[in-house]
Each structure stands twice: as C-alpha cells, then as structure tokens.
C-alpha cells in the first residue's frame, strides 16, 4: 500500500465519518423534499 498523503489512520477515519454524516444529511433532505 503506497502512502500518498501524511494523513494518519485516525484522521482518515474521522474524514470518512464526516463524509458519511454529510451524505446521510443530504439523502435525508432529498427524501424529505420528494
């Protein structure tokens, strides 16, 4: 596995959780409109 960035595993995990949270919010809003 080649490391391209200096991000640690913890930072990557936090970014992933934030991304999932944003996606869930957008999905919830889209379902609410339709």
N, C-alpha and C. Protein backbone atom coordinates (compact mmCIF):
# COMPACT_ATOMS: atom_id res chain seq x y z
N UNK A 1 0.85 -1.20 0.00
CA UNK A 1 0.00 0.00 0.00
C UNK A 1 0.88 1.24 0.00
N UNK A 2 0.68 2.11 -0.98
CA UNK A 2 1.50 3.31 -1.10
C UNK A 2 0.82 4.48 -0.38
N UNK A 3 1.56 5.12 0.49
CA UNK A 3 1.01 6.28 1.19
C UNK A 3 1.25 7.54 0.37
N UNK A 4 0.17 8.17 -0.06
CA UNK A 4 0.29 9.38 -0.88
C UNK A 4 0.25 10.62 0.00
N UNK A 5 -0.46 10.53 1.11
CA UNK A 5 -0.60 11.68 1.99
C UNK A 5 0.03 11.39 3.33
N UNK A 6 0.10 12.41 4.18
CA UNK A 6 0.66 12.25 5.52
C UNK A 6 -0.44 12.04 6.55
N UNK A 7 -1.65 11.81 6.07
CA UNK A 7 -2.77 11.61 6.99
C UNK A 7 -2.59 10.29 7.75
N UNK A 8 -2.90 10.33 9.02
CA UNK A 8 -2.83 9.12 9.82
C UNK A 8 -4.11 8.34 9.69
N UNK A 9 -4.10 7.11 10.16
CA UNK A 9 -5.31 6.27 10.07
C UNK A 9 -6.47 6.91 10.83
N UNK A 10 -6.15 7.53 11.96
CA UNK A 10 -7.20 8.18 12.76
C UNK A 10 -7.83 9.33 11.99
N UNK A 11 -6.99 10.14 11.33
CA UNK A 11 -7.51 11.28 10.57
C UNK A 11 -8.36 10.80 9.40
N UNK A 12 -7.89 9.75 8.72
CA UNK A 12 -8.66 9.20 7.60
C UNK A 12 -10.02 8.70 8.08
N UNK A 13 -10.04 8.06 9.25
CA UNK A 13 -11.30 7.54 9.80
C UNK A 13 -12.24 8.69 10.12
N UNK A 14 -11.70 9.78 10.70
CA UNK A 14 -12.55 10.93 11.04
C UNK A 14 -13.12 11.56 9.78
N UNK A 15 -12.29 11.68 8.73
CA UNK A 15 -12.78 12.24 7.46
C UNK A 15 -13.88 11.35 6.90
N UNK A 16 -13.69 10.06 6.99
CA UNK A 16 -14.70 9.12 6.48
C UNK A 16 -16.02 9.28 7.22
N UNK A 17 -15.94 9.43 8.55
CA UNK A 17 -17.17 9.58 9.33
C UNK A 17 -17.87 10.88 8.98
N UNK A 18 -17.10 11.95 8.77
CA UNK A 18 -17.70 13.23 8.40
C UNK A 18 -18.38 13.12 7.04
N UNK A 19 -17.73 12.41 6.10
CA UNK A 19 -18.30 12.24 4.76
C UNK A 19 -19.61 11.48 4.85
N UNK A 20 -19.61 10.39 5.61
CA UNK A 20 -20.83 9.58 5.77
C UNK A 20 -21.94 10.43 6.37
N UNK A 21 -21.59 11.26 7.36
CA UNK A 21 -22.59 12.10 8.01
C UNK A 21 -23.20 13.09 7.01
N UNK A 22 -22.36 13.70 6.18
CA UNK A 22 -22.85 14.66 5.20
C UNK A 22 -23.74 13.96 4.18
N UNK A 23 -23.32 12.80 3.72
CA UNK A 23 -24.12 12.06 2.73
C UNK A 23 -25.48 11.72 3.31
N UNK A 24 -25.50 11.29 4.57
CA UNK A 24 -26.78 10.92 5.20
C UNK A 24 -27.68 12.14 5.31
N UNK A 25 -27.13 13.31 5.64
CA UNK A 25 -27.94 14.52 5.76
C UNK A 25 -28.54 14.89 4.41
N UNK A 26 -27.72 14.86 3.37
CA UNK A 26 -28.21 15.20 2.03
C UNK A 26 -29.28 14.21 1.59
N UNK A 27 -29.04 12.93 1.85
CA UNK A 27 -30.01 11.90 1.46
C UNK A 27 -31.33 12.11 2.19
N UNK A 28 -31.24 12.46 3.47
CA UNK A 28 -32.45 12.68 4.27
C UNK A 28 -33.23 13.88 3.73
N UNK A 29 -32.51 14.96 3.38
CA UNK A 29 -33.17 16.16 2.86
C UNK A 29 -33.84 15.85 1.53
N UNK A 30 -33.16 15.09 0.66
CA UNK A 30 -33.72 14.77 -0.65
C UNK A 30 -34.98 13.91 -0.49
N UNK A 31 -34.96 12.99 0.46
CA UNK A 31 -36.15 12.16 0.69
C UNK A 31 -37.28 13.01 1.25
N UNK A 32 -36.93 13.99 2.07
CA UNK A 32 -37.96 14.84 2.67
C UNK A 32 -38.64 15.71 1.62
N UNK A 33 -37.90 16.17 0.62
CA UNK A 33 -38.49 17.03 -0.41
C UNK A 33 -39.42 16.23 -1.30
N UNK A 34 -39.04 15.00 -1.65
CA UNK A 34 -39.86 14.18 -2.54
C UNK A 34 -40.87 13.40 -1.73
